[in-house]
C-alpha cells in the first residue's frame, strides 16, 4: 500500500535508527572496497567485488556489461518502471599509494573514501537496508557500479549503459561520498583539456626572445587570463596543473597545462574553447614551437528546474532531516542522465575533513542520515511523488 509523501517524511527518524543498526555492515563494505585500488581504466577488481556483493545479496541479472560496469536488479512488485542508482567505481588516487583504511570511533580515514568508495559501499548495501526496513518498491531498482567516470574516462561507463540499455530508465540517483546536504539536479557546461607546448629538436636558441617551453606556456596562461569573461551567465577558466622541464640547468623543451572551462552557457564554453586554441597556436607560431589543445572531457549545461517535483521533494527530505540543502551544479555522473533527458539527482552521504588529501577522514555518524535520505528519495520517486504532473 502506498504511503503519502508526508508519511515518508514522518518515517525518516525510524529509517535513520534502523540504518544505524546496519552500520557495521556498511562500514565493512566501505573498508573492503576502499582497500582495492581503482584508478580510471583499472577498476576490474572493484567491478568483481561489487558483482560478488550483488550475487551474495541474491539480486537478479548480476552481470558485467561491455563497458565493464557491475550491474544487478532488485525486482519491484509491478516492474513497469526502472530506477537506476549509480556510484562510480574509479577513484582519483594513484594505485601505488597505501590504500589501508583506519576505522576510529566516529571516523574512517584512508584514500579515495569520499570519491567514491563510500558511494560504492552504500550502493551495494542498499538492498540490505531496504530489507531491514521492510520496504519493497513497486519499481525495479537497477544498481550499477560504473567504470571510467573520472578524467579521461569522461563518464564512459554510465554513458555506455544509458545509450545501449533496452530498459526505459524513469529516473536516476547518483551516490557520492560527500557532502551530505549537497543536492545537484542540473549541470554546467564544461570542457576539460590539456595544452601541450613543445620546442623542436632543431630549435634555434639564439633567436630573439628564446626562453624555453615554460616561458611560452606562461605567455599562454597570461593571455588566457586576459580573456574577458561575462558576469552572466557565470563563466570561469580554471588552471588545475602545470608541469614541464627537468632538473638542473637544461632549458625546458616541453610543458603541459591542464585546465577546465566552465559556464552556464554551452555557447560560451565553445567560444572559450576556440579562443584558447587560437592563443596556444599563436604563441607557438611566435615562439617557434608547437602547441596542441586536447579535449579530455565535455559536459553540456542542462538538467531539472528548481521547481521540478524531484529536486523539490529532495529538498523537503533534507529539511525534514534537519539538513539545509546546498544546491550545487554538477559535472559528474549526473551529466550522463542530462544528455538522455532522464530526471536525476546527485546526493552526498556524509561529511568529512582533509578531503582530497592522502588520508582524508569521513564522519561515521551522518552516514545513517545520508542513507535515510536515499531511501526516502527512492520511495518518493517510486510512488510517483517526483513525477511532473
Protein backbone atom coordinates (compact mmCIF):
# COMPACT_ATOMS: atom_id res chain seq x y z
CA UNK A 1 0.00 0.00 0.00
CA UNK A 2 1.42 3.37 -1.00
CA UNK A 3 2.34 5.87 1.66
CA UNK A 4 1.73 9.58 1.34
CA UNK A 5 4.80 11.75 0.99
CA UNK A 6 4.05 13.17 4.45
CA UNK A 7 4.17 9.64 5.86
CA UNK A 8 7.55 9.05 4.19
CA UNK A 9 8.92 12.18 5.85
CA UNK A 10 7.45 11.11 9.19
CA UNK A 11 9.28 7.77 9.00
CA UNK A 12 12.72 9.31 8.47
CA UNK A 13 13.73 9.00 12.17
CA UNK A 14 12.74 5.32 12.03
CA UNK A 15 14.82 4.83 8.88
CA UNK A 16 17.83 6.50 10.47
CA UNK A 17 17.55 4.35 13.61
CA UNK A 18 17.32 1.10 11.64
CA UNK A 19 20.20 2.06 9.34
CA UNK A 20 22.41 2.68 12.37
CA UNK A 21 21.88 -0.96 13.33
CA UNK A 22 23.22 -1.94 9.89
CA UNK A 23 26.15 0.47 10.16
CA UNK A 24 28.74 -2.25 10.78
CA UNK A 25 27.85 -3.98 7.51
CA UNK A 26 28.09 -0.74 5.56
CA UNK A 27 31.44 0.14 7.18
CA UNK A 28 32.76 -3.36 6.45
CA UNK A 29 31.82 -2.89 2.80
CA UNK A 30 33.47 0.53 2.85
CA UNK A 31 36.74 -0.83 4.20
CA UNK A 32 36.78 -3.73 1.75
CA UNK A 33 36.13 -1.64 -1.35
CA UNK A 34 38.35 1.29 -0.31
CA UNK A 35 41.35 -1.01 0.09
CA UNK A 36 41.06 -2.08 -3.57
CA UNK A 37 43.00 0.36 -5.79
CA UNK A 38 40.75 1.50 -8.61
CA UNK A 39 42.25 4.11 -10.96
CA UNK A 40 40.23 5.07 -14.02
CA UNK A 41 40.51 2.28 -16.63
CA UNK A 42 41.80 -0.03 -13.88
CA UNK A 43 38.57 -0.78 -12.00
CA UNK A 44 38.37 -4.51 -12.77
CA UNK A 45 38.98 -5.72 -9.18
CA UNK A 46 36.33 -3.40 -7.81
CA UNK A 47 33.91 -4.46 -10.53
CA UNK A 48 34.29 -8.08 -9.48
CA UNK A 49 33.99 -7.15 -5.80
CA UNK A 50 30.72 -5.29 -6.44
CA UNK A 51 29.41 -8.19 -8.52
CA UNK A 52 30.24 -10.60 -5.71
CA UNK A 53 28.26 -8.46 -3.26
CA UNK A 54 25.28 -8.31 -5.63
CA UNK A 55 25.37 -12.08 -6.02
CA UNK A 56 25.75 -12.62 -2.27
CA UNK A 57 22.65 -10.48 -1.68
CA UNK A 58 20.75 -12.60 -4.23
CA UNK A 59 19.96 -9.85 -6.66
CA UNK A 60 18.86 -10.73 -10.18
CA UNK A 61 20.69 -10.35 -13.50
CA UNK A 62 24.09 -9.81 -11.85
CA UNK A 63 26.38 -9.09 -14.75
CA UNK A 64 29.24 -7.07 -16.23
CA UNK A 65 28.42 -5.21 -19.44
CA UNK A 66 30.69 -4.34 -22.36
CA UNK A 67 31.87 -1.16 -20.65
CA UNK A 68 32.87 -3.12 -17.54
CA UNK A 69 30.03 -1.82 -15.36
CA UNK A 70 28.85 -4.04 -12.49
CA UNK A 71 25.06 -4.41 -12.72
CA UNK A 72 22.24 -6.04 -10.77
CA UNK A 73 18.47 -5.68 -10.45
CA UNK A 74 16.29 -5.74 -7.36
CA UNK A 75 12.87 -6.50 -8.92
CA UNK A 76 9.87 -4.41 -7.96
CA UNK A 77 6.32 -5.58 -7.35
CA UNK A 78 4.94 -4.13 -10.60
CA UNK A 79 8.16 -3.90 -12.61
CA UNK A 80 6.74 -1.33 -15.03
CA UNK A 81 9.24 1.37 -14.01
CA UNK A 82 13.02 1.30 -13.68
CA UNK A 83 15.04 3.40 -11.25
CA UNK A 84 18.81 3.50 -11.77
CA UNK A 85 21.12 4.05 -8.80
CA UNK A 86 24.75 4.54 -9.76
CA UNK A 87 28.05 5.03 -7.96
CA UNK A 88 31.29 5.30 -9.89
CA UNK A 89 33.93 2.71 -9.04
CA UNK A 90 37.05 4.64 -10.04
CA UNK A 91 38.95 6.99 -7.75
CA UNK A 92 41.35 9.89 -8.46
CA UNK A 93 44.04 8.11 -6.44
CA UNK A 94 47.38 6.67 -7.55
CA UNK A 95 47.14 2.90 -7.26
CA UNK A 96 50.62 2.80 -5.69
CA UNK A 97 49.53 4.77 -2.61
CA UNK A 98 48.81 2.94 0.62
CA UNK A 99 45.09 2.08 0.48
CA UNK A 100 44.85 0.83 4.07
CA UNK A 101 41.71 2.10 5.81
CA UNK A 102 41.66 3.02 9.50
CA UNK A 103 38.41 2.89 11.48
CA UNK A 104 38.36 5.01 14.63
CA UNK A 105 35.50 5.98 16.93
CA UNK A 106 33.32 8.18 14.75
CA UNK A 107 35.81 8.44 11.85
CA UNK A 108 37.07 6.43 8.90
CA UNK A 109 40.33 7.53 7.27
CA UNK A 110 42.03 6.48 4.06
CA UNK A 111 42.45 7.43 0.41
CA UNK A 112 39.59 7.80 -2.06
CA UNK A 113 36.88 7.41 0.58
CA UNK A 114 34.84 10.44 -0.44
CA UNK A 115 35.37 9.98 -4.18
CA UNK A 116 33.91 7.45 -4.25
CA UNK A 117 34.40 4.41 -2.03
CA UNK A 118 31.59 5.38 0.34
CA UNK A 119 29.21 5.81 -2.60
CA UNK A 120 30.06 2.28 -3.79
CA UNK A 121 29.66 0.82 -0.29
CA UNK A 122 26.26 2.49 0.02
CA UNK A 123 25.24 1.15 -3.40
CA UNK A 124 25.96 -2.49 -2.59
CA UNK A 125 24.47 -2.22 0.92
CA UNK A 126 21.22 -0.65 -0.33
CA UNK A 127 19.33 -3.97 -0.80
CA UNK A 128 20.07 -4.95 2.82
CA UNK A 129 18.89 -1.57 4.05
CA UNK A 130 15.61 -1.87 2.14
CA UNK A 131 15.13 -5.38 3.51
CA UNK A 132 15.94 -4.26 7.05
CA UNK A 133 13.31 -1.53 6.76
CA UNK A 134 10.75 -3.98 5.38
CA UNK A 135 10.38 -1.93 2.18
CA UNK A 136 9.61 -3.31 -1.26
CA UNK A 137 9.44 -0.92 -4.18
CA UNK A 138 6.91 -1.08 -6.97
CA UNK A 139 9.66 -0.23 -9.48
CA UNK A 140 12.67 -2.27 -10.50
CA UNK A 141 15.80 -0.96 -8.81
CA UNK A 142 18.83 -1.18 -11.09
CA UNK A 143 22.13 -0.92 -9.23
CA UNK A 144 25.25 -0.03 -11.18
CA UNK A 145 28.87 0.38 -10.18
CA UNK A 146 30.07 2.42 -13.13
CA UNK A 147 33.52 2.50 -14.69
CA UNK A 148 35.54 5.21 -16.45
CA UNK A 149 33.80 8.12 -14.75
CA UNK A 150 36.72 10.40 -13.93
CA UNK A 151 39.21 12.34 -16.05
CA UNK A 152 39.79 10.80 -19.47
CA UNK A 153 37.09 8.26 -18.70
CA UNK A 154 34.56 11.05 -19.38
CA UNK A 155 31.66 9.17 -17.73
CA UNK A 156 32.23 6.35 -20.21
CA UNK A 157 30.58 3.60 -18.17
CA UNK A 158 27.35 5.44 -17.43
CA UNK A 159 27.13 6.91 -20.92
CA UNK A 160 27.53 3.44 -22.43
CA UNK A 161 24.79 1.93 -20.28
CA UNK A 162 22.27 4.72 -20.87
CA UNK A 163 22.98 4.76 -24.60
CA UNK A 164 22.65 0.99 -25.03
CA UNK A 165 20.22 -0.39 -22.47
CA UNK A 166 16.88 -1.71 -23.69
CA UNK A 167 15.31 -0.75 -20.36
CA UNK A 168 13.39 2.50 -20.08
CA UNK A 169 15.04 4.40 -17.22
CA UNK A 170 12.44 6.58 -15.49
CA UNK A 171 14.76 8.32 -13.03
CA UNK A 172 18.31 8.20 -11.71
CA UNK A 173 20.14 8.71 -8.44
CA UNK A 174 23.92 9.25 -8.28
CA UNK A 175 25.62 8.44 -4.95
CA UNK A 176 28.72 10.35 -3.84
CA UNK A 177 30.58 10.07 -0.55
CA UNK A 178 30.39 13.79 0.29
CA UNK A 179 28.85 16.13 1.18
CA UNK A 180 25.65 15.32 2.99
CA UNK A 181 23.15 18.05 2.19
CA UNK A 182 24.63 18.76 -1.22
CA UNK A 183 21.99 18.46 -3.91
CA UNK A 184 22.67 18.55 -7.64
CA UNK A 185 19.91 18.39 -10.21
CA UNK A 186 21.46 20.45 -13.01
CA UNK A 187 24.79 20.53 -14.80
CA UNK A 188 27.01 23.33 -16.02
CA UNK A 189 28.76 23.44 -19.36
CA UNK A 190 32.34 22.24 -19.07
CA UNK A 191 35.36 21.49 -21.21
CA UNK A 192 38.41 19.86 -19.65
CA UNK A 193 41.59 19.88 -21.69
CA UNK A 194 45.38 19.73 -21.86
CA UNK A 195 47.58 22.24 -23.68
CA UNK A 196 50.94 20.78 -24.68
CA UNK A 197 53.78 23.01 -25.81
CA UNK A 198 56.93 21.56 -27.31
CA UNK A 199 60.03 23.02 -28.95
CA UNK A 200 61.54 21.06 -31.87
CA UNK A 201 64.94 19.40 -31.55
CA UNK A 202 66.36 21.80 -34.14
CA UNK A 203 65.13 24.88 -32.27
CA UNK A 204 67.37 27.95 -32.68
CA UNK A 205 68.21 29.09 -29.13
CA UNK A 206 69.95 32.21 -30.45
CA UNK A 207 66.71 33.72 -31.81
CA UNK A 208 65.30 36.84 -30.21
CA UNK A 209 63.07 36.09 -27.21
CA UNK A 210 64.01 32.42 -26.91
CA UNK A 211 63.24 31.37 -23.37
CA UNK A 212 62.10 27.76 -23.37
CA UNK A 213 58.77 25.98 -23.17
CA UNK A 214 57.88 27.13 -19.65
CA UNK A 215 58.22 30.79 -20.60
CA UNK A 216 55.99 30.23 -23.64
CA UNK A 217 53.43 28.36 -21.53
CA UNK A 218 53.44 31.25 -19.08
CA UNK A 219 52.64 33.54 -22.02
CA UNK A 220 49.73 31.27 -22.94
CA UNK A 221 48.40 31.36 -19.37
CA UNK A 222 48.70 35.16 -19.19
CA UNK A 223 46.77 35.62 -22.41
CA UNK A 224 44.06 33.14 -21.36
CA UNK A 225 43.57 35.08 -18.13
CA UNK A 226 43.13 38.25 -20.19
CA UNK A 227 40.08 36.82 -22.00
CA UNK A 228 37.07 38.86 -20.80
CA UNK A 229 34.50 36.67 -19.03
CA UNK A 230 30.85 37.66 -18.65
CA UNK A 231 29.32 38.01 -15.19
CA UNK A 232 26.14 36.45 -16.56
CA UNK A 233 26.00 33.67 -17.46
CA UNK A 234 28.56 32.62 -14.87
CA UNK A 235 31.80 31.53 -16.52
CA UNK A 236 35.33 30.65 -15.45
CA UNK A 237 38.61 29.22 -16.69
CA UNK A 238 40.36 27.12 -14.04
CA UNK A 239 44.04 26.19 -14.34
CA UNK A 240 44.40 22.91 -12.48
CA UNK A 241 48.07 21.99 -13.01
CA UNK A 242 51.22 22.86 -14.95
CA UNK A 243 54.42 20.90 -15.38
CA UNK A 244 57.44 20.91 -17.64
CA UNK A 245 61.18 20.90 -17.94
CA UNK A 246 63.56 18.82 -15.90
CA UNK A 247 66.35 19.01 -13.31
CA UNK A 248 69.44 21.16 -13.50
CA UNK A 249 70.17 23.98 -15.91
CA UNK A 250 68.80 22.33 -19.04
CA UNK A 251 66.47 24.67 -20.95
CA UNK A 252 62.97 23.11 -20.94
CA UNK A 253 61.69 21.96 -24.31
CA UNK A 254 58.21 20.89 -23.22
CA UNK A 255 55.43 22.00 -20.87
CA UNK A 256 51.90 20.87 -20.18
CA UNK A 257 48.91 22.77 -18.77
CA UNK A 258 45.67 21.19 -17.59
CA UNK A 259 42.68 23.48 -17.50
CA UNK A 260 38.91 23.48 -17.29
CA UNK A 261 36.39 25.86 -18.85
CA UNK A 262 33.07 26.18 -17.02
CA UNK A 263 29.94 28.14 -17.86
CA UNK A 264 26.18 28.05 -17.53
CA UNK A 265 26.17 28.58 -21.31
CA UNK A 266 27.27 25.92 -23.76
CA UNK A 267 27.88 28.63 -26.37
CA UNK A 268 30.34 30.41 -24.09
CA UNK A 269 32.19 27.14 -23.43
CA UNK A 270 32.53 26.62 -27.19
CA UNK A 271 33.68 30.22 -27.70
CA UNK A 272 36.30 29.97 -24.95
CA UNK A 273 37.50 26.69 -26.41
CA UNK A 274 38.07 28.39 -29.75
CA UNK A 275 39.83 31.38 -28.19
CA UNK A 276 42.14 29.26 -26.04
CA UNK A 277 43.09 27.06 -29.00
CA UNK A 278 43.88 30.18 -31.04
CA UNK A 279 46.03 31.61 -28.23
CA UNK A 280 48.05 28.41 -27.98
CA UNK A 281 48.58 28.32 -31.74
CA UNK A 282 49.57 31.98 -31.94
CA UNK A 283 52.09 31.76 -29.07
CA UNK A 284 53.58 28.66 -30.67
CA UNK A 285 53.96 30.36 -34.05
CA UNK A 286 55.64 33.40 -32.50
CA UNK A 287 57.93 31.30 -30.32
CA UNK A 288 58.93 28.73 -32.91
CA UNK A 289 57.31 25.84 -31.03
CA UNK A 290 54.36 23.51 -31.45
CA UNK A 291 51.19 23.65 -29.36
CA UNK A 292 48.09 21.46 -29.18
CA UNK A 293 44.89 21.54 -27.14
CA UNK A 294 43.50 18.08 -26.40
CA UNK A 295 39.93 17.91 -25.09
CA UNK A 296 39.63 15.24 -22.39
CA UNK A 297 36.01 15.69 -21.33
CA UNK A 298 32.94 17.73 -22.18
CA UNK A 299 29.66 18.48 -20.43
CA UNK A 300 26.66 20.38 -21.69
CA UNK A 301 24.52 22.51 -19.39
CA UNK A 302 21.05 21.27 -18.57
CA UNK A 303 19.01 19.34 -16.04
CA UNK A 304 15.93 19.99 -13.99
CA UNK A 305 14.40 23.27 -12.89
CA UNK A 306 14.33 24.32 -9.24
CA UNK A 307 10.55 23.86 -9.22
CA UNK A 308 10.59 20.32 -10.66
CA UNK A 309 8.99 17.83 -8.21
CA UNK A 310 12.15 15.70 -7.96
CA UNK A 311 14.50 18.36 -6.52
CA UNK A 312 11.56 19.82 -4.59
CA UNK A 313 10.93 16.51 -2.80
CA UNK A 314 14.67 16.10 -2.26
CA UNK A 315 14.80 19.48 -0.54
CA UNK A 316 11.82 18.51 1.62
CA UNK A 317 13.61 15.32 2.70
CA UNK A 318 16.81 17.16 3.61
CA UNK A 319 14.88 19.77 5.58
CA UNK A 320 12.99 17.01 7.43
CA UNK A 321 16.38 15.52 8.37
CA UNK A 322 17.49 18.91 9.69
CA UNK A 323 19.97 19.37 6.86
CA UNK A 324 19.86 22.67 4.96
CA UNK A 325 20.04 21.80 1.24
CA UNK A 326 23.15 23.08 -0.52
CA UNK A 327 22.28 23.44 -4.18
CA UNK A 328 25.30 22.86 -6.39
CA UNK A 329 25.54 22.21 -10.15
CA UNK A 330 27.44 19.09 -11.15
CA UNK A 331 29.84 17.96 -13.85
CA UNK A 332 29.82 14.33 -12.67
CA UNK A 333 27.61 11.28 -13.41
CA UNK A 334 24.51 13.46 -13.45
CA UNK A 335 25.63 14.83 -16.83
CA UNK A 336 25.08 11.46 -18.50
CA UNK A 337 21.43 11.49 -17.35
CA UNK A 338 21.01 15.09 -18.54
CA UNK A 339 22.25 14.10 -22.00
CA UNK A 340 19.50 11.47 -22.16
CA UNK A 341 16.87 13.81 -20.65
CA UNK A 342 16.31 11.48 -17.70
CA UNK A 343 15.34 13.18 -14.42
CA UNK A 344 18.09 12.51 -11.90
CA UNK A 345 19.79 13.77 -8.75
CA UNK A 346 23.27 13.62 -7.30
CA UNK A 347 23.43 13.39 -3.49
CA UNK A 348 26.13 13.12 -0.82
CA UNK A 349 26.16 10.71 2.10
CA UNK A 350 28.27 12.21 4.89
CA UNK A 351 30.71 14.96 5.86
CA UNK A 352 34.48 14.81 6.12
CA UNK A 353 37.81 16.51 6.67
CA UNK A 354 41.06 16.75 4.72
CA UNK A 355 39.15 15.84 1.58
CA UNK A 356 41.32 15.15 -1.48
CA UNK A 357 44.32 14.70 0.82
CA UNK A 358 46.17 11.40 1.04
CA UNK A 359 44.47 10.49 4.32
CA UNK A 360 41.03 12.03 4.19
CA UNK A 361 38.58 11.43 7.01
CA UNK A 362 34.85 10.72 6.82
CA UNK A 363 32.42 11.10 9.70
CA UNK A 364 30.50 7.93 10.55
CA UNK A 365 27.50 9.35 12.42
CA UNK A 366 25.93 11.28 9.50
CA UNK A 367 26.00 8.25 7.18
CA UNK A 368 22.72 6.98 8.63
CA UNK A 369 21.01 10.24 7.69
CA UNK A 370 22.62 10.10 4.25
CA UNK A 371 21.23 6.62 3.65
CA UNK A 372 17.81 7.58 5.08
CA UNK A 373 17.79 10.40 2.51
CA UNK A 374 18.41 7.86 -0.26
CA UNK A 375 15.66 5.53 0.95
CA UNK A 376 13.11 8.34 1.20
CA UNK A 377 14.04 9.59 -2.26
CA UNK A 378 13.63 6.14 -3.76
CA UNK A 379 10.21 5.79 -2.13
CA UNK A 380 9.10 9.22 -3.33
CA UNK A 381 10.26 8.51 -6.90
CA UNK A 382 8.79 5.01 -6.84
CA UNK A 383 5.36 6.21 -5.72
CA UNK A 384 5.14 9.00 -8.28
CA UNK A 385 5.60 11.98 -5.98
CA UNK A 386 8.52 13.22 -8.09
CA UNK A 387 6.76 12.99 -11.46
CA UNK A 388 5.98 16.12 -13.41
CA UNK A 389 2.19 16.46 -13.48
